[in-house]
Protein backbone atom coordinates (compact mmCIF):
# COMPACT_ATOMS: atom_id res chain seq x y z
CA MET A 1 79.65 -40.03 123.73
CA ASN A 2 82.49 -38.84 125.46
CA GLY A 3 85.64 -40.50 125.09
CA PHE A 4 85.36 -41.85 128.42
CA SER A 5 82.21 -44.02 127.39
CA TRP A 6 83.93 -45.31 124.37
CA ALA A 7 86.88 -46.67 126.12
CA PHE A 8 84.54 -48.73 128.74
CA ILE A 9 82.65 -50.34 126.02
CA ALA A 10 85.97 -51.09 124.42
CA ILE A 11 87.59 -52.50 127.14
CA ILE A 12 84.07 -54.52 128.01
CA ILE A 13 83.90 -55.62 123.94
CA ILE A 14 87.88 -56.95 124.54
CA ILE A 15 87.38 -58.46 127.83
CA LEU A 16 84.07 -60.70 126.47
CA ILE A 17 86.28 -61.54 123.18
CA LEU A 18 89.03 -62.94 126.02
CA ILE A 19 86.77 -64.88 127.92
CA SER A 20 84.75 -66.42 124.81
CA LEU A 21 88.51 -67.49 123.11
CA THR A 22 90.06 -68.93 126.28
CA ARG A 23 86.98 -70.88 127.96
CA ARG A 24 88.06 -74.69 127.57
CA ARG A 25 86.14 -76.77 124.88
CA GLY A 26 86.10 -80.34 125.28
CA GLY A 27 87.80 -82.42 127.56
CA ALA A 28 85.83 -84.06 130.19
CA ALA A 29 82.82 -81.64 129.89
CA LYS A 30 82.07 -83.55 126.97
CA TYR A 31 82.48 -87.35 128.06
CA PRO A 32 78.58 -87.15 129.17
CA GLU A 33 78.03 -85.80 125.62
CA ILE A 34 79.91 -88.47 123.63
CA ILE A 35 78.35 -91.20 125.95
CA GLN A 36 74.68 -89.36 125.06
CA GLY A 37 75.34 -89.96 121.32
CA LEU A 38 76.60 -93.28 121.58
CA LEU A 39 73.53 -94.35 123.60
CA TYR A 40 71.41 -92.65 120.59
CA ASP A 41 73.01 -95.18 118.14
CA ILE A 42 72.44 -98.02 120.69
CA ARG A 43 68.91 -97.24 120.96
CA ILE A 44 67.97 -97.27 117.91
CA ASN A 45 69.87 -99.93 116.56
CA GLN A 46 67.94 -101.79 119.30
CA GLY A 47 64.32 -100.73 117.41
CA ILE A 48 65.44 -101.59 114.14
CA ALA A 49 67.00 -105.18 115.80
CA LYS A 50 63.89 -105.74 117.50
CA PHE A 51 61.63 -105.10 114.23
CA PHE A 52 64.51 -106.22 111.56
CA PRO A 53 63.15 -109.20 110.16
CA GLU A 54 59.32 -107.97 109.87
CA LEU A 55 60.86 -104.66 107.94
CA LYS A 56 59.53 -104.41 104.30
CA LYS A 57 62.59 -102.31 103.32
CA PRO A 58 65.98 -103.12 105.11
CA ARG A 59 66.99 -100.37 107.05
CA ASN A 60 70.88 -99.84 107.95
CA PHE A 61 72.09 -99.64 111.73
CA GLU A 62 72.92 -96.61 113.07
CA ASN A 63 76.88 -95.40 113.80
CA ALA A 64 77.62 -92.06 112.96
CA ASN A 65 77.99 -91.46 116.56
CA TRP A 66 80.75 -94.22 116.99
CA LEU A 67 82.08 -92.65 113.75
CA MET A 68 82.15 -89.30 114.75
CA ASN A 69 83.69 -90.28 118.41
CA LYS A 70 85.75 -93.99 118.63
CA ASP A 71 88.48 -92.34 118.90
CA LYS A 72 87.37 -90.00 122.13
CA ILE A 73 86.25 -93.30 124.41
CA GLY A 74 89.56 -93.55 125.94
CA PHE A 75 88.07 -92.88 129.66
CA LEU A 76 85.64 -95.79 129.48
CA GLY A 77 86.89 -99.04 131.05
CA GLU A 78 88.55 -101.71 128.44
CA SER A 79 85.66 -104.45 128.28
CA LEU A 80 83.37 -101.41 127.56
CA LYS A 81 85.49 -100.18 124.90
CA LEU A 82 86.16 -103.72 123.43
CA MET A 83 82.01 -104.47 123.55
CA LEU A 84 81.27 -101.52 121.45
CA LYS A 85 83.54 -102.02 119.44
CA GLU A 86 82.63 -105.52 118.46
CA THR A 87 78.99 -104.26 118.55
CA PHE A 88 79.71 -101.70 115.84
CA ALA A 89 81.72 -104.03 114.10
CA LEU A 90 78.64 -105.78 114.11
CA ALA A 91 76.62 -102.91 112.97
CA GLU A 92 78.75 -102.31 109.86
CA GLU A 93 79.07 -105.59 108.65
CA TYR A 94 75.11 -105.99 108.80
CA ASN A 95 74.82 -102.98 106.90
CA LYS A 96 77.12 -104.26 104.17
CA GLN A 97 74.98 -107.20 103.80
CA ILE A 98 72.05 -105.19 103.86
CA LYS A 99 73.56 -102.92 101.09
CA GLN A 100 74.60 -106.38 98.94
CA ALA A 101 70.80 -107.07 99.44
CA LYS A 102 69.74 -104.52 97.89
CA LYS A 103 72.15 -104.31 94.90
CA ALA A 104 70.64 -107.59 94.44
CA LYS A 105 67.23 -107.10 95.40
CA ASN A 106 67.18 -109.47 97.33
CA GLU A 107 65.59 -110.65 100.85
CA ASN A 108 68.86 -112.55 101.67
CA TYR A 109 68.99 -109.84 104.95
CA LYS A 110 66.37 -111.12 106.69
CA THR A 111 68.55 -114.48 107.55
CA ILE A 112 70.69 -112.65 109.58
CA ASP A 113 71.47 -113.72 112.78
CA LEU A 114 71.21 -110.67 115.24
CA THR A 115 71.11 -112.64 118.80
CA ARG A 116 74.72 -111.78 119.51
CA PHE A 117 74.20 -108.16 118.31
CA LYS A 118 70.97 -107.82 120.67
CA GLU A 119 72.89 -109.13 123.32
CA LEU A 120 75.92 -106.96 122.80
CA LEU A 121 73.43 -103.76 122.13
CA GLU A 122 71.88 -104.70 125.65
CA LYS A 123 75.03 -104.94 127.87
CA CYS A 124 76.39 -101.52 126.04
CA ARG A 125 73.08 -99.58 126.72
CA LYS A 126 73.41 -100.74 129.83
CA GLU A 127 77.14 -100.20 131.20
CA LEU A 128 76.78 -96.47 129.29
CA GLU A 129 73.37 -95.87 131.39
CA ASP A 130 74.72 -97.35 134.60
CA TRP A 131 78.11 -94.18 133.23
CA MET A 132 75.76 -91.83 132.86
CA ILE A 133 73.82 -92.10 136.16
CA GLN A 134 77.47 -92.55 138.09
CA LYS A 135 79.11 -89.66 136.44
CA THR A 136 75.73 -87.06 135.60
CA GLY A 137 72.92 -88.76 138.02
CA ALA A 138 70.88 -89.19 135.17
CA LYS A 139 70.53 -91.85 132.36
CA ASP A 140 70.15 -89.02 129.77
CA LEU A 141 71.50 -85.26 129.86
CA PRO A 142 68.83 -82.63 130.10
CA PRO A 143 67.76 -80.78 126.97
CA LYS A 144 70.23 -77.32 126.00
CA TYR A 145 68.30 -74.48 125.88
CA PRO A 146 70.95 -71.83 124.25
CA SER A 147 71.26 -69.29 126.33
CA LEU A 148 72.14 -65.61 125.22
CA MET A 149 76.10 -65.63 126.37
CA ASP A 150 75.88 -68.88 124.07
CA SER A 151 74.17 -67.28 121.25
CA LEU A 152 76.39 -64.39 121.52
CA PHE A 153 80.09 -66.30 122.10
CA GLY A 154 79.10 -69.95 121.33
CA GLN A 155 78.09 -72.87 124.03
CA ARG A 156 80.14 -73.75 127.18
């Protein structure tokens, strides 16, 4: 290869590196992903709450996505933010009670009244799904399949 070819290849590589480094990450483009994660926790918790009294082994309520994203929900309305905080505070409280029951090797966790928790889960799910429909046109994000560029330079 001659000098021109190497220079051209070097310029292309530098441009691709600059493009990958200057792309915006996060921001408003990440909002649907945050909502999708919260919806995941809420839907799992609804399933657990539905069958909670019949469970032979107590299962903790999910809150991983909440813990990761609770400081990133400023774009949501105040009433929804407060409802999410109350919902996941109840989940944490119930998880503590379940942990204590496991430690004491008893079934006291079956006496937990989940009525308010189920109501909050349903309201949060409905409002988050409405937000997704309003902003993206669907309740759920379509699955992502990595492209060649995503594989080489990271996802957009």
